[in-house]
Protein backbone atom coordinates (compact mmCIF):
# COMPACT_ATOMS: atom_id res chain seq x y z
CA MET A 1 11.29 8.01 -5.64
CA THR A 2 11.41 4.23 -6.64
CA LYS A 3 8.19 2.20 -7.67
CA LYS A 4 7.11 -0.80 -5.89
CA PHE A 5 4.30 -3.52 -6.34
CA ALA A 6 1.84 -3.26 -3.46
CA LYS A 7 3.03 -6.94 -2.53
CA ASP A 8 6.39 -5.87 -2.19
CA LEU A 9 5.69 -3.01 0.53
CA LYS A 10 6.71 -3.11 4.07
CA PRO A 11 5.70 -1.40 7.18
CA ARG A 12 7.16 2.13 7.50
CA ASP A 13 7.33 2.60 3.78
CA LYS A 14 6.14 6.17 2.64
CA ILE A 15 3.79 6.00 -0.48
CA LYS A 16 2.41 8.80 -2.42
CA VAL A 17 -1.38 8.43 -3.34
CA TYR A 18 -2.83 11.38 -5.08
CA ASP A 19 -1.15 14.42 -3.12
CA ASP A 20 -1.17 12.68 0.06
CA THR A 21 1.77 10.94 1.71
CA LEU A 22 0.99 7.82 3.39
CA ILE A 23 2.93 5.55 6.17
CA VAL A 24 2.11 1.87 5.85
CA ASP A 25 1.54 0.31 8.98
CA LYS A 26 0.85 -3.15 8.13
CA THR A 27 0.23 -5.23 5.03
CA GLU A 28 -1.73 -8.46 4.45
CA HIS A 29 -1.90 -10.66 1.38
CA SER A 30 -4.49 -12.65 0.12
CA ALA A 31 -4.08 -15.94 -2.02
CA ILE A 32 -5.20 -16.00 -5.77
CA ALA A 33 -8.84 -16.29 -5.65
CA LYS A 34 -11.64 -17.63 -8.27
CA HIS A 35 -10.97 -14.22 -10.07
CA GLY A 36 -7.32 -15.26 -10.71
CA LYS A 37 -5.92 -12.10 -8.70
CA SER A 38 -4.39 -11.74 -5.38
CA LYS A 39 -4.87 -8.66 -3.41
CA VAL A 40 -3.10 -6.67 -0.67
CA ARG A 41 -4.62 -4.86 2.25
CA LEU A 42 -2.63 -2.05 3.42
CA ASP A 43 -3.31 -0.34 7.02
CA THR A 44 -2.13 3.21 6.59
CA THR A 45 -1.71 6.59 8.42
CA ASN A 46 -1.47 10.00 6.59
CA GLU A 47 1.65 11.68 7.25
CA LYS A 48 0.21 15.17 7.59
CA THR A 49 -3.23 14.58 9.44
CA GLN A 50 -2.55 11.45 11.18
CA GLU A 51 -5.73 9.78 9.97
CA ARG A 52 -5.81 6.00 9.62
CA GLY A 53 -7.08 4.46 6.65
CA VAL A 54 -7.09 1.05 4.62
CA LEU A 55 -6.44 0.72 1.06
CA ILE A 56 -7.37 -2.60 -0.74
CA VAL A 57 -5.38 -3.22 -4.07
CA LEU A 58 -4.19 -5.62 -6.47
CA ALA A 59 -0.97 -7.26 -5.70
CA THR A 60 0.53 -6.00 -8.81
CA ASP A 61 -0.61 -2.42 -8.40
CA GLU A 62 2.52 0.00 -8.49
CA PHE A 63 3.30 2.66 -5.83
CA GLU A 64 5.65 5.47 -5.61
CA VAL A 65 7.86 5.12 -2.50
CA ILE A 66 9.56 7.97 -0.96
CA ASN A 67 13.09 7.45 0.38
């Protein structure tokens, strides 16, 4: 497992969030806003249950990527 910043994630990456493995379907990056932080929206699919979800995190948050 390697670690990547949220801004560096690509579609088809598998990330570990708590005990779930999520597959990144799509990413969207925002510009730096008035609070000085950029954010990333991750559209994901749970590998086990096939449920879709959305994560909105800071661009500098780190995720464990499963190879």
